[in-house]
Protein backbone atom coordinates (compact mmCIF):
# COMPACT_ATOMS: atom_id res chain seq x y z
CA UNK A 1 0.00 0.00 0.00
CA UNK A 2 1.17 3.48 -0.76
CA UNK A 3 -0.37 6.68 0.57
CA UNK A 4 -3.70 6.84 2.35
CA UNK A 5 -6.22 4.06 2.80
CA UNK A 6 -9.94 4.46 2.24
CA UNK A 7 -10.37 4.44 6.02
CA UNK A 8 -7.80 7.27 6.33
CA UNK A 9 -9.57 9.58 3.87
CA UNK A 10 -12.99 8.72 5.27
CA UNK A 11 -11.86 9.52 8.83
CA UNK A 12 -10.27 12.80 7.67
CA UNK A 13 -13.47 13.84 5.87
CA UNK A 14 -11.70 14.08 2.51
CA UNK A 15 -14.04 13.69 -0.48
CA UNK A 16 -12.72 10.77 -2.52
CA UNK A 17 -13.39 8.39 -5.34
CA UNK A 18 -12.09 4.89 -5.92
CA UNK A 19 -11.09 3.03 -9.03
CA UNK A 20 -10.03 -0.57 -9.21
CA UNK A 21 -8.50 -2.65 -11.92
CA UNK A 22 -8.36 -6.45 -11.83
CA UNK A 23 -5.14 -7.96 -13.08
CA UNK A 24 -7.29 -10.51 -14.96
CA UNK A 25 -8.38 -7.66 -17.29
CA UNK A 26 -4.79 -6.66 -18.04
CA UNK A 27 -3.32 -7.74 -21.39
CA UNK A 28 0.19 -8.31 -20.15
CA UNK A 29 -1.00 -10.22 -17.09
CA UNK A 30 -2.99 -12.49 -19.39
CA UNK A 31 0.03 -12.99 -21.64
CA UNK A 32 2.18 -13.84 -18.62
CA UNK A 33 -0.57 -16.11 -17.25
CA UNK A 34 -0.35 -14.17 -13.98
CA UNK A 35 -3.83 -12.72 -13.56
CA UNK A 36 -4.25 -12.90 -9.79
CA UNK A 37 -4.63 -9.59 -8.00
CA UNK A 38 -5.81 -6.04 -8.46
CA UNK A 39 -4.90 -2.36 -8.26
CA UNK A 40 -7.06 0.02 -6.19
CA UNK A 41 -6.60 3.77 -6.61
CA UNK A 42 -7.93 6.40 -4.19
CA UNK A 43 -8.17 9.93 -5.55
CA UNK A 44 -9.54 13.25 -4.28
CA UNK A 45 -13.07 13.63 -5.63
CA UNK A 46 -12.72 17.29 -6.60
CA UNK A 47 -9.06 17.68 -7.59
CA UNK A 48 -8.40 14.11 -8.80
CA UNK A 49 -5.10 14.13 -6.88
CA UNK A 50 -3.80 10.65 -6.19
CA UNK A 51 -4.16 9.93 -2.45
CA UNK A 52 -3.45 6.24 -2.15
CA UNK A 53 -2.78 3.08 -4.11
CA UNK A 54 -3.21 -0.52 -3.02
CA UNK A 55 -1.71 -3.27 -5.14
CA UNK A 56 -2.18 -6.97 -4.59
CA UNK A 57 -0.31 -8.80 -7.33
CA UNK A 58 2.94 -10.58 -8.03
CA UNK A 59 4.19 -7.39 -9.73
CA UNK A 60 3.23 -5.11 -6.83
CA UNK A 61 6.87 -4.33 -6.10
CA UNK A 62 7.36 -2.99 -9.62
CA UNK A 63 4.21 -0.88 -9.50
CA UNK A 64 4.27 0.64 -6.03
CA UNK A 65 7.34 2.73 -6.86
CA UNK A 66 5.46 4.39 -9.72
CA UNK A 67 2.53 5.06 -7.39
CA UNK A 68 4.77 6.62 -4.75
CA UNK A 69 6.41 8.81 -7.40
CA UNK A 70 3.03 9.94 -8.70
CA UNK A 71 1.81 10.83 -5.19
CA UNK A 72 5.03 12.71 -4.41
CA UNK A 73 4.58 14.71 -7.62
CA UNK A 74 0.96 15.54 -6.70
CA UNK A 75 -0.17 13.71 -9.81
CA UNK A 76 -3.79 13.42 -10.83
CA UNK A 77 -5.05 9.85 -10.95
CA UNK A 78 -6.33 9.99 -14.53
CA UNK A 79 -3.16 11.71 -15.78
CA UNK A 80 -1.01 9.03 -14.21
CA UNK A 81 -3.14 6.25 -15.62
CA UNK A 82 -3.07 7.74 -19.14
CA UNK A 83 0.71 8.21 -19.34
CA UNK A 84 3.62 5.84 -19.06
CA UNK A 85 2.75 5.52 -15.39
CA UNK A 86 2.25 2.63 -13.05
CA UNK A 87 -0.43 0.73 -14.92
CA UNK A 88 1.51 0.96 -18.19
CA UNK A 89 4.40 -0.85 -16.50
CA UNK A 90 2.34 -4.02 -16.85
CA UNK A 91 -0.32 -2.96 -19.37
CA UNK A 92 -0.69 -1.81 -22.91
CA UNK A 93 -3.08 1.11 -22.33
CA UNK A 94 -5.79 -0.94 -20.61
CA UNK A 95 -6.48 2.09 -18.43
CA UNK A 96 -9.88 2.77 -20.00
CA UNK A 97 -11.12 0.02 -17.73
CA UNK A 98 -10.10 1.87 -14.56
CA UNK A 99 -13.39 3.50 -13.50
CA UNK A 100 -12.39 6.84 -11.98
PDB file of N, CA and C in Angstrom:
ATOM      1  N   UNK A   1       0.854  -1.180   0.000  1.00  0.00           N
ATOM      2  CA  UNK A   1       0.000   0.000   0.000  1.00  0.00           C
ATOM      3  C   UNK A   1       0.888   1.226   0.000  1.00  0.00           C
ATOM      4  N   UNK A   2       0.483   2.205  -0.759  1.00  0.00           N
ATOM      5  CA  UNK A   2       1.173   3.485  -0.759  1.00  0.00           C
ATOM      6  C   UNK A   2       0.170   4.602  -0.522  1.00  0.00           C
ATOM      7  N   UNK A   3       0.517   5.563   0.306  1.00  0.00           N
ATOM      8  CA  UNK A   3      -0.369   6.683   0.573  1.00  0.00           C
ATOM      9  C   UNK A   3      -1.459   6.345   1.567  1.00  0.00           C
ATOM     10  N   UNK A   4      -2.604   6.980   1.402  1.00  0.00           N
ATOM     11  CA  UNK A   4      -3.702   6.837   2.354  1.00  0.00           C
ATOM     12  C   UNK A   4      -4.609   5.668   1.990  1.00  0.00           C
ATOM     13  N   UNK A   5      -5.224   5.104   3.017  1.00  0.00           N
ATOM     14  CA  UNK A   5      -6.222   4.060   2.803  1.00  0.00           C
ATOM     15  C   UNK A   5      -7.601   4.718   2.703  1.00  0.00           C
ATOM     16  N   UNK A   6      -8.576   3.941   2.302  1.00  0.00           N
ATOM     17  CA  UNK A   6      -9.940   4.455   2.239  1.00  0.00           C
ATOM     18  C   UNK A   6     -10.404   4.871   3.634  1.00  0.00           C
ATOM     19  N   UNK A   7     -10.007   4.112   4.637  1.00  0.00           N
ATOM     20  CA  UNK A   7     -10.367   4.444   6.020  1.00  0.00           C
ATOM     21  C   UNK A   7      -9.740   5.774   6.442  1.00  0.00           C
ATOM     22  N   UNK A   8      -8.492   6.016   6.012  1.00  0.00           N
ATOM     23  CA  UNK A   8      -7.800   7.274   6.331  1.00  0.00           C
ATOM     24  C   UNK A   8      -8.549   8.484   5.772  1.00  0.00           C
ATOM     25  N   UNK A   9      -8.914   8.414   4.493  1.00  0.00           N
ATOM     26  CA  UNK A   9      -9.571   9.577   3.869  1.00  0.00           C
ATOM     27  C   UNK A   9     -10.986   9.757   4.399  1.00  0.00           C
ATOM     28  N   UNK A  10     -11.645   8.649   4.702  1.00  0.00           N
ATOM     29  CA  UNK A  10     -12.992   8.723   5.274  1.00  0.00           C
ATOM     30  C   UNK A  10     -12.941   9.392   6.646  1.00  0.00           C
ATOM     31  N   UNK A  11     -12.003   8.969   7.480  1.00  0.00           N
ATOM     32  CA  UNK A  11     -11.859   9.519   8.833  1.00  0.00           C
ATOM     33  C   UNK A  11     -11.472  11.000   8.803  1.00  0.00           C
ATOM     34  N   UNK A  12     -10.708  11.401   7.789  1.00  0.00           N
ATOM     35  CA  UNK A  12     -10.271  12.795   7.668  1.00  0.00           C
ATOM     36  C   UNK A  12     -11.325  13.674   6.991  1.00  0.00           C
ATOM     37  N   UNK A  13     -12.404  13.066   6.532  1.00  0.00           N
ATOM     38  CA  UNK A  13     -13.466  13.837   5.873  1.00  0.00           C
ATOM     39  C   UNK A  13     -13.089  14.332   4.489  1.00  0.00           C
ATOM     40  N   UNK A  14     -12.148  13.684   3.855  1.00  0.00           N
ATOM     41  CA  UNK A  14     -11.704  14.084   2.507  1.00  0.00           C
ATOM     42  C   UNK A  14     -12.654  13.460   1.485  1.00  0.00           C
ATOM     43  N   UNK A  15     -13.192  14.270   0.572  1.00  0.00           N
ATOM     44  CA  UNK A  15     -14.036  13.694  -0.479  1.00  0.00           C
ATOM     45  C   UNK A  15     -13.155  12.876  -1.428  1.00  0.00           C
ATOM     46  N   UNK A  16     -13.579  11.648  -1.718  1.00  0.00           N
ATOM     47  CA  UNK A  16     -12.725  10.775  -2.519  1.00  0.00           C
ATOM     48  C   UNK A  16     -13.534   9.925  -3.485  1.00  0.00           C
ATOM     49  N   UNK A  17     -12.817   9.361  -4.423  1.00  0.00           N
ATOM     50  CA  UNK A  17     -13.392   8.391  -5.345  1.00  0.00           C
ATOM     51  C   UNK A  17     -12.396   7.239  -5.469  1.00  0.00           C
ATOM     52  N   UNK A  18     -12.915   6.095  -5.854  1.00  0.00           N
ATOM     53  CA  UNK A  18     -12.085   4.895  -5.922  1.00  0.00           C
ATOM     54  C   UNK A  18     -12.222   4.263  -7.295  1.00  0.00           C
ATOM     55  N   UNK A  19     -11.108   3.811  -7.807  1.00  0.00           N
ATOM     56  CA  UNK A  19     -11.095   3.032  -9.032  1.00  0.00           C
ATOM     57  C   UNK A  19     -10.342   1.749  -8.762  1.00  0.00           C
ATOM     58  N   UNK A  20     -10.769   0.677  -9.370  1.00  0.00           N
ATOM     59  CA  UNK A  20     -10.034  -0.573  -9.207  1.00  0.00           C
ATOM     60  C   UNK A  20      -9.896  -1.251 -10.556  1.00  0.00           C
ATOM     61  N   UNK A  21      -8.839  -2.013 -10.665  1.00  0.00           N
ATOM     62  CA  UNK A  21      -8.499  -2.652 -11.922  1.00  0.00           C
ATOM     63  C   UNK A  21      -8.034  -4.073 -11.632  1.00  0.00           C
ATOM     64  N   UNK A  22      -8.786  -5.073 -12.072  1.00  0.00           N
ATOM     65  CA  UNK A  22      -8.362  -6.448 -11.835  1.00  0.00           C
ATOM     66  C   UNK A  22      -7.222  -6.840 -12.774  1.00  0.00           C
ATOM     67  N   UNK A  23      -6.249  -7.528 -12.249  1.00  0.00           N
ATOM     68  CA  UNK A  23      -5.138  -7.964 -13.084  1.00  0.00           C
ATOM     69  C   UNK A  23      -5.621  -8.907 -14.187  1.00  0.00           C
ATOM     70  N   UNK A  24      -6.737  -9.594 -13.964  1.00  0.00           N
ATOM     71  CA  UNK A  24      -7.289 -10.509 -14.963  1.00  0.00           C
ATOM     72  C   UNK A  24      -7.735  -9.771 -16.220  1.00  0.00           C
ATOM     73  N   UNK A  25      -7.958  -8.453 -16.130  1.00  0.00           N
ATOM     74  CA  UNK A  25      -8.377  -7.661 -17.288  1.00  0.00           C
ATOM     75  C   UNK A  25      -7.184  -6.998 -17.980  1.00  0.00           C
ATOM     76  N   UNK A  26      -5.994  -7.294 -17.526  1.00  0.00           N
ATOM     77  CA  UNK A  26      -4.789  -6.658 -18.042  1.00  0.00           C
ATOM     78  C   UNK A  26      -4.133  -7.539 -19.104  1.00  0.00           C
ATOM     79  N   UNK A  27      -3.869  -6.971 -20.270  1.00  0.00           N
ATOM     80  CA  UNK A  27      -3.323  -7.736 -21.394  1.00  0.00           C
ATOM     81  C   UNK A  27      -2.011  -8.437 -21.062  1.00  0.00           C
ATOM     82  N   UNK A  28      -1.120  -7.727 -20.437  1.00  0.00           N
ATOM     83  CA  UNK A  28       0.186  -8.314 -20.146  1.00  0.00           C
ATOM     84  C   UNK A  28       0.084  -9.406 -19.086  1.00  0.00           C
ATOM     85  N   UNK A  29      -0.787  -9.185 -18.107  1.00  0.00           N
ATOM     86  CA  UNK A  29      -0.995 -10.215 -17.088  1.00  0.00           C
ATOM     87  C   UNK A  29      -1.540 -11.490 -17.718  1.00  0.00           C
ATOM     88  N   UNK A  30      -2.446 -11.324 -18.671  1.00  0.00           N
ATOM     89  CA  UNK A  30      -2.989 -12.487 -19.386  1.00  0.00           C
ATOM     90  C   UNK A  30      -1.885 -13.195 -20.161  1.00  0.00           C
ATOM     91  N   UNK A  31      -1.071 -12.423 -20.857  1.00  0.00           N
ATOM     92  CA  UNK A  31       0.027 -12.992 -21.640  1.00  0.00           C
ATOM     93  C   UNK A  31       0.993 -13.759 -20.745  1.00  0.00           C
ATOM     94  N   UNK A  32       1.270 -13.205 -19.575  1.00  0.00           N
ATOM     95  CA  UNK A  32       2.180 -13.841 -18.624  1.00  0.00           C
ATOM     96  C   UNK A  32       1.516 -14.941 -17.791  1.00  0.00           C
ATOM     97  N   UNK A  33       0.221 -15.146 -18.018  1.00  0.00           N
ATOM     98  CA  UNK A  33      -0.566 -16.113 -17.246  1.00  0.00           C
ATOM     99  C   UNK A  33      -0.409 -15.869 -15.742  1.00  0.00           C
ATOM    100  N   UNK A  34      -0.503 -14.600 -15.374  1.00  0.00           N
ATOM    101  CA  UNK A  34      -0.353 -14.169 -13.984  1.00  0.00           C
ATOM    102  C   UNK A  34      -1.448 -13.144 -13.685  1.00  0.00           C
ATOM    103  N   UNK A  35      -2.675 -13.617 -13.631  1.00  0.00           N
ATOM    104  CA  UNK A  35      -3.825 -12.717 -13.564  1.00  0.00           C
ATOM    105  C   UNK A  35      -4.405 -12.536 -12.167  1.00  0.00           C
ATOM    106  N   UNK A  36      -3.757 -13.072 -11.159  1.00  0.00           N
ATOM    107  CA  UNK A  36      -4.253 -12.895  -9.792  1.00  0.00           C
ATOM    108  C   UNK A  36      -3.922 -11.501  -9.283  1.00  0.00           C
ATOM    109  N   UNK A  37      -4.880 -10.872  -8.634  1.00  0.00           N
ATOM    110  CA  UNK A  37      -4.629  -9.587  -7.996  1.00  0.00           C
ATOM    111  C   UNK A  37      -5.402  -8.429  -8.583  1.00  0.00           C
ATOM    112  N   UNK A  38      -5.121  -7.251  -8.029  1.00  0.00           N
ATOM    113  CA  UNK A  38      -5.811  -6.039  -8.465  1.00  0.00           C
ATOM    114  C   UNK A  38      -5.065  -4.798  -8.010  1.00  0.00           C
ATOM    115  N   UNK A  39      -5.420  -3.675  -8.644  1.00  0.00           N
ATOM    116  CA  UNK A  39      -4.899  -2.363  -8.264  1.00  0.00           C
ATOM    117  C   UNK A  39      -6.099  -1.521  -7.843  1.00  0.00           C
ATOM    118  N   UNK A  40      -6.004  -0.870  -6.692  1.00  0.00           N
ATOM    119  CA  UNK A  40      -7.064   0.016  -6.195  1.00  0.00           C
ATOM    120  C   UNK A  40      -6.448   1.399  -6.040  1.00  0.00           C
ATOM    121  N   UNK A  41      -7.095   2.392  -6.632  1.00  0.00           N
ATOM    122  CA  UNK A  41      -6.602   3.768  -6.606  1.00  0.00           C
ATOM    123  C   UNK A  41      -7.601   4.639  -5.856  1.00  0.00           C
ATOM    124  N   UNK A  42      -7.103   5.448  -4.925  1.00  0.00           N
ATOM    125  CA  UNK A  42      -7.935   6.395  -4.185  1.00  0.00           C
ATOM    126  C   UNK A  42      -7.507   7.795  -4.595  1.00  0.00           C
ATOM    127  N   UNK A  43      -8.464   8.578  -5.078  1.00  0.00           N
ATOM    128  CA  UNK A  43      -8.169   9.933  -5.552  1.00  0.00           C
ATOM    129  C   UNK A  43      -9.125  10.927  -4.912  1.00  0.00           C
ATOM    130  N   UNK A  44      -8.687  12.179  -4.805  1.00  0.00           N
ATOM    131  CA  UNK A  44      -9.538  13.250  -4.280  1.00  0.00           C
ATOM    132  C   UNK A  44     -10.683  13.469  -5.265  1.00  0.00           C
ATOM    133  N   UNK A  45     -11.886  13.525  -4.764  1.00  0.00           N
ATOM    134  CA  UNK A  45     -13.069  13.629  -5.631  1.00  0.00           C
ATOM    135  C   UNK A  45     -13.084  14.898  -6.465  1.00  0.00           C
ATOM    136  N   UNK A  46     -12.649  16.007  -5.898  1.00  0.00           N
ATOM    137  CA  UNK A  46     -12.717  17.290  -6.603  1.00  0.00           C
ATOM    138  C   UNK A  46     -11.478  17.595  -7.434  1.00  0.00           C
ATOM    139  N   UNK A  47     -10.306  17.309  -6.891  1.00  0.00           N
ATOM    140  CA  UNK A  47      -9.062  17.680  -7.593  1.00  0.00           C
ATOM    141  C   UNK A  47      -8.463  16.530  -8.389  1.00  0.00           C
ATOM    142  N   UNK A  48      -8.911  15.309  -8.143  1.00  0.00           N
ATOM    143  CA  UNK A  48      -8.403  14.108  -8.802  1.00  0.00           C
ATOM    144  C   UNK A  48      -6.964  13.778  -8.396  1.00  0.00           C
ATOM    145  N   UNK A  49      -6.454  14.428  -7.353  1.00  0.00           N
ATOM    146  CA  UNK A  49      -5.097  14.132  -6.881  1.00  0.00           C
ATOM    147  C   UNK A  49      -5.044  12.716  -6.321  1.00  0.00           C
ATOM    148  N   UNK A  50      -4.004  12.016  -6.651  1.00  0.00           N
ATOM    149  CA  UNK A  50      -3.801  10.651  -6.185  1.00  0.00           C
ATOM    150  C   UNK A  50      -3.503  10.674  -4.686  1.00  0.00           C
ATOM    151  N   UNK A  51      -4.315   9.954  -3.897  1.00  0.00           N
ATOM    152  CA  UNK A  51      -4.161   9.935  -2.447  1.00  0.00           C
ATOM    153  C   UNK A  51      -3.593   8.617  -1.932  1.00  0.00           C
ATOM    154  N   UNK A  52      -3.914   7.539  -2.602  1.00  0.00           N
ATOM    155  CA  UNK A  52      -3.446   6.238  -2.150  1.00  0.00           C
ATOM    156  C   UNK A  52      -3.591   5.190  -3.231  1.00  0.00           C
ATOM    157  N   UNK A  53      -2.746   4.189  -3.157  1.00  0.00           N
ATOM    158  CA  UNK A  53      -2.783   3.078  -4.106  1.00  0.00           C
ATOM    159  C   UNK A  53      -2.548   1.785  -3.334  1.00  0.00           C
ATOM    160  N   UNK A  54      -3.361   0.798  -3.620  1.00  0.00           N
ATOM    161  CA  UNK A  54      -3.211  -0.522  -3.020  1.00  0.00           C
ATOM    162  C   UNK A  54      -3.019  -1.508  -4.172  1.00  0.00           C
ATOM    163  N   UNK A  55      -2.000  -2.311  -4.080  1.00  0.00           N
ATOM    164  CA  UNK A  55      -1.710  -3.270  -5.139  1.00  0.00           C
ATOM    165  C   UNK A  55      -1.526  -4.646  -4.520  1.00  0.00           C
ATOM    166  N   UNK A  56      -2.314  -5.583  -4.999  1.00  0.00           N
ATOM    167  CA  UNK A  56      -2.182  -6.967  -4.585  1.00  0.00           C
ATOM    168  C   UNK A  56      -1.937  -7.759  -5.865  1.00  0.00           C
ATOM    169  N   UNK A  57      -0.687  -8.081  -6.116  1.00  0.00           N
ATOM    170  CA  UNK A  57      -0.308  -8.802  -7.334  1.00  0.00           C
ATOM    171  C   UNK A  57       1.156  -9.200  -7.232  1.00  0.00           C
ATOM    172  N   UNK A  58       1.541 -10.144  -8.057  1.00  0.00           N
ATOM    173  CA  UNK A  58       2.938 -10.584  -8.034  1.00  0.00           C
ATOM    174  C   UNK A  58       3.882  -9.473  -8.484  1.00  0.00           C
ATOM    175  N   UNK A  59       3.363  -8.499  -9.242  1.00  0.00           N
ATOM    176  CA  UNK A  59       4.189  -7.387  -9.731  1.00  0.00           C
ATOM    177  C   UNK A  59       4.031  -6.125  -8.884  1.00  0.00           C
ATOM    178  N   UNK A  60       3.478  -6.263  -7.697  1.00  0.00           N
ATOM    179  CA  UNK A  60       3.232  -5.109  -6.827  1.00  0.00           C
ATOM    180  C   UNK A  60       4.507  -4.322  -6.555  1.00  0.00           C
ATOM    181  N   UNK A  61       5.599  -4.997  -6.369  1.00  0.00           N
ATOM    182  CA  UNK A  61       6.870  -4.327  -6.096  1.00  0.00           C
ATOM    183  C   UNK A  61       7.325  -3.428  -7.228  1.00  0.00           C
ATOM    184  N   UNK A  62       7.009  -3.808  -8.467  1.00  0.00           N
ATOM    185  CA  UNK A  62       7.363  -2.992  -9.622  1.00  0.00           C
ATOM    186  C   UNK A  62       6.456  -1.771  -9.743  1.00  0.00           C
ATOM    187  N   UNK A  63       5.208  -1.924  -9.308  1.00  0.00           N
ATOM    188  CA  UNK A  63       4.208  -0.875  -9.500  1.00  0.00           C
ATOM    189  C   UNK A  63       4.164   0.150  -8.378  1.00  0.00           C
ATOM    190  N   UNK A  64       4.438  -0.262  -7.163  1.00  0.00           N
ATOM    191  CA  UNK A  64       4.267   0.644  -6.028  1.00  0.00           C
ATOM    192  C   UNK A  64       5.229   1.820  -6.104  1.00  0.00           C
ATOM    193  N   UNK A  65       6.396   1.621  -6.696  1.00  0.00           N
ATOM    194  CA  UNK A  65       7.341   2.733  -6.860  1.00  0.00           C
ATOM    195  C   UNK A  65       6.762   3.825  -7.754  1.00  0.00           C
ATOM    196  N   UNK A  66       6.110   3.426  -8.830  1.00  0.00           N
ATOM    197  CA  UNK A  66       5.460   4.389  -9.724  1.00  0.00           C
ATOM    198  C   UNK A  66       4.360   5.144  -8.986  1.00  0.00           C
ATOM    199  N   UNK A  67       3.609   4.430  -8.159  1.00  0.00           N
ATOM    200  CA  UNK A  67       2.530   5.061  -7.394  1.00  0.00           C
ATOM    201  C   UNK A  67       3.089   6.078  -6.416  1.00  0.00           C
ATOM    202  N   UNK A  68       4.147   5.707  -5.720  1.00  0.00           N
ATOM    203  CA  UNK A  68       4.769   6.622  -4.753  1.00  0.00           C
ATOM    204  C   UNK A  68       5.302   7.864  -5.452  1.00  0.00           C
ATOM    205  N   UNK A  69       5.904   7.681  -6.614  1.00  0.00           N
ATOM    206  CA  UNK A  69       6.412   8.812  -7.397  1.00  0.00           C
ATOM    207  C   UNK A  69       5.272   9.736  -7.812  1.00  0.00           C
ATOM    208  N   UNK A  70       4.188   9.151  -8.264  1.00  0.00           N
ATOM    209  CA  UNK A  70       3.028   9.936  -8.696  1.00  0.00           C
ATOM    210  C   UNK A  70       2.443  10.739  -7.531  1.00  0.00           C
ATOM    211  N   UNK A  71       2.350  10.123  -6.360  1.00  0.00           N
ATOM    212  CA  UNK A  71       1.812  10.827  -5.195  1.00  0.00           C
ATOM    213  C   UNK A  71       2.756  11.941  -4.749  1.00  0.00           C
ATOM    214  N   UNK A  72       4.053  11.686  -4.795  1.00  0.00           N
ATOM    215  CA  UNK A  72       5.034  12.707  -4.409  1.00  0.00           C
ATOM    216  C   UNK A  72       4.988  13.896  -5.364  1.00  0.00           C
ATOM    217  N   UNK A  73       4.648  13.642  -6.621  1.00  0.00           N
ATOM    218  CA  UNK A  73       4.577  14.706  -7.621  1.00  0.00           C
ATOM    219  C   UNK A  73       3.199  15.360  -7.670  1.00  0.00           C
ATOM    220  N   UNK A  74       2.318  14.984  -6.736  1.00  0.00           N
ATOM    221  CA  UNK A  74       0.959  15.536  -6.704  1.00  0.00           C
ATOM    222  C   UNK A  74       0.199  15.244  -7.994  1.00  0.00           C
ATOM    223  N   UNK A  75       0.426  14.090  -8.541  1.00  0.00           N
ATOM    224  CA  UNK A  75      -0.174  13.707  -9.814  1.00  0.00           C
ATOM    225  C   UNK A  75      -1.675  13.495  -9.690  1.00  0.00           C
ATOM    226  N   UNK A  76      -2.362  13.738 -10.766  1.00  0.00           N
ATOM    227  CA  UNK A  76      -3.794  13.424 -10.830  1.00  0.00           C
ATOM    228  C   UNK A  76      -3.914  11.961 -11.221  1.00  0.00           C
ATOM    229  N   UNK A  77      -4.923  11.289 -10.706  1.00  0.00           N
ATOM    230  CA  UNK A  77      -5.051   9.851 -10.948  1.00  0.00           C
ATOM    231  C   UNK A  77      -5.226   9.552 -12.430  1.00  0.00           C
ATOM    232  N   UNK A  78      -6.081  10.271 -13.116  1.00  0.00           N
ATOM    233  CA  UNK A  78      -6.325   9.989 -14.534  1.00  0.00           C
ATOM    234  C   UNK A  78      -5.090  10.304 -15.368  1.00  0.00           C
ATOM    235  N   UNK A  79      -4.387  11.373 -15.052  1.00  0.00           N
ATOM    236  CA  UNK A  79      -3.161  11.711 -15.775  1.00  0.00           C
ATOM    237  C   UNK A  79      -2.153  10.596 -15.638  1.00  0.00           C
ATOM    238  N   UNK A  80      -1.982  10.098 -14.438  1.00  0.00           N
ATOM    239  CA  UNK A  80      -1.014   9.031 -14.212  1.00  0.00           C
ATOM    240  C   UNK A  80      -1.413   7.749 -14.925  1.00  0.00           C
ATOM    241  N   UNK A  81      -2.684   7.470 -14.962  1.00  0.00           N
ATOM    242  CA  UNK A  81      -3.140   6.254 -15.622  1.00  0.00           C
ATOM    243  C   UNK A  81      -3.027   6.349 -17.142  1.00  0.00           C
ATOM    244  N   UNK A  82      -3.104   7.567 -17.695  1.00  0.00           N
ATOM    245  CA  UNK A  82      -3.067   7.737 -19.141  1.00  0.00           C
ATOM    246  C   UNK A  82      -1.664   7.918 -19.703  1.00  0.00           C
ATOM    247  N   UNK A  83      -0.656   8.020 -18.863  1.00  0.00           N
ATOM    248  CA  UNK A  83       0.711   8.208 -19.339  1.00  0.00           C
ATOM    249  C   UNK A  83       1.498   6.921 -19.140  1.00  0.00           C
ATOM    250  N   UNK A  84       2.792   7.017 -19.288  1.00  0.00           N
ATOM    251  CA  UNK A  84       3.623   5.838 -19.059  1.00  0.00           C
ATOM    252  C   UNK A  84       3.800   5.628 -17.568  1.00  0.00           C
ATOM    253  N   UNK A  85       2.726   5.653 -16.835  1.00  0.00           N
ATOM    254  CA  UNK A  85       2.755   5.523 -15.388  1.00  0.00           C
ATOM    255  C   UNK A  85       2.619   4.094 -14.936  1.00  0.00           C
ATOM    256  N   UNK A  86       2.176   3.928 -13.693  1.00  0.00           N
ATOM    257  CA  UNK A  86       2.250   2.632 -13.050  1.00  0.00           C
ATOM    258  C   UNK A  86       1.494   1.525 -13.747  1.00  0.00           C
ATOM    259  N   UNK A  87       0.311   1.805 -14.280  1.00  0.00           N
ATOM    260  CA  UNK A  87      -0.430   0.731 -14.923  1.00  0.00           C
ATOM    261  C   UNK A  87       0.249   0.317 -16.219  1.00  0.00           C
ATOM    262  N   UNK A  88       0.848   1.281 -16.922  1.00  0.00           N
ATOM    263  CA  UNK A  88       1.513   0.957 -18.185  1.00  0.00           C
ATOM    264  C   UNK A  88       2.736   0.073 -17.974  1.00  0.00           C
ATOM    265  N   UNK A  89       3.276   0.030 -16.782  1.00  0.00           N
ATOM    266  CA  UNK A  89       4.401  -0.853 -16.499  1.00  0.00           C
ATOM    267  C   UNK A  89       4.017  -2.284 -16.826  1.00  0.00           C
ATOM    268  N   UNK A  90       2.769  -2.656 -16.582  1.00  0.00           N
ATOM    269  CA  UNK A  90       2.339  -4.019 -16.848  1.00  0.00           C
ATOM    270  C   UNK A  90       1.245  -4.099 -17.901  1.00  0.00           C
ATOM    271  N   UNK A  91       0.807  -2.955 -18.445  1.00  0.00           N
ATOM    272  CA  UNK A  91      -0.316  -2.961 -19.375  1.00  0.00           C
ATOM    273  C   UNK A  91       0.043  -2.303 -20.693  1.00  0.00           C
ATOM    274  N   UNK A  92      -0.804  -2.498 -21.630  1.00  0.00           N
ATOM    275  CA  UNK A  92      -0.693  -1.806 -22.907  1.00  0.00           C
ATOM    276  C   UNK A  92      -1.932  -0.934 -23.066  1.00  0.00           C
ATOM    277  N   UNK A  93      -1.979   0.142 -22.296  1.00  0.00           N
ATOM    278  CA  UNK A  93      -3.078   1.111 -22.332  1.00  0.00           C
ATOM    279  C   UNK A  93      -4.441   0.498 -22.023  1.00  0.00           C
ATOM    280  N   UNK A  94      -4.509  -0.399 -21.064  1.00  0.00           N
ATOM    281  CA  UNK A  94      -5.785  -0.944 -20.609  1.00  0.00           C
ATOM    282  C   UNK A  94      -6.461  -0.032 -19.599  1.00  0.00           C
ATOM    283  N   UNK A  95      -6.011   1.209 -19.491  1.00  0.00           N
ATOM    284  CA  UNK A  95      -6.481   2.090 -18.427  1.00  0.00           C
ATOM    285  C   UNK A  95      -7.909   2.584 -18.637  1.00  0.00           C
ATOM    286  N   UNK A  96      -8.481   2.377 -19.806  1.00  0.00           N
ATOM    287  CA  UNK A  96      -9.875   2.767 -20.000  1.00  0.00           C
ATOM    288  C   UNK A  96     -10.791   1.980 -19.076  1.00  0.00           C
ATOM    289  N   UNK A  97     -10.311   0.853 -18.584  1.00  0.00           N
ATOM    290  CA  UNK A  97     -11.121   0.019 -17.732  1.00  0.00           C
ATOM    291  C   UNK A  97     -11.049   0.440 -16.273  1.00  0.00           C
ATOM    292  N   UNK A  98     -10.223   1.401 -15.942  1.00  0.00           N
ATOM    293  CA  UNK A  98     -10.098   1.869 -14.560  1.00  0.00           C
ATOM    294  C   UNK A  98     -11.162   2.937 -14.325  1.00  0.00           C
ATOM    295  N   UNK A  99     -12.246   2.590 -13.620  1.00  0.00           N
ATOM    296  CA  UNK A  99     -13.386   3.504 -13.496  1.00  0.00           C
ATOM    297  C   UNK A  99     -13.158   4.595 -12.454  1.00  0.00           C
ATOM    298  N   UNK A 100     -12.563   5.695 -12.874  1.00  0.00           N
ATOM    299  CA  UNK A 100     -12.390   6.840 -11.975  1.00  0.00           C
ATOM    300  C   UNK A 100     -13.199   8.000 -12.475  1.00  0.00           C
TER     301      UNK A 100
END
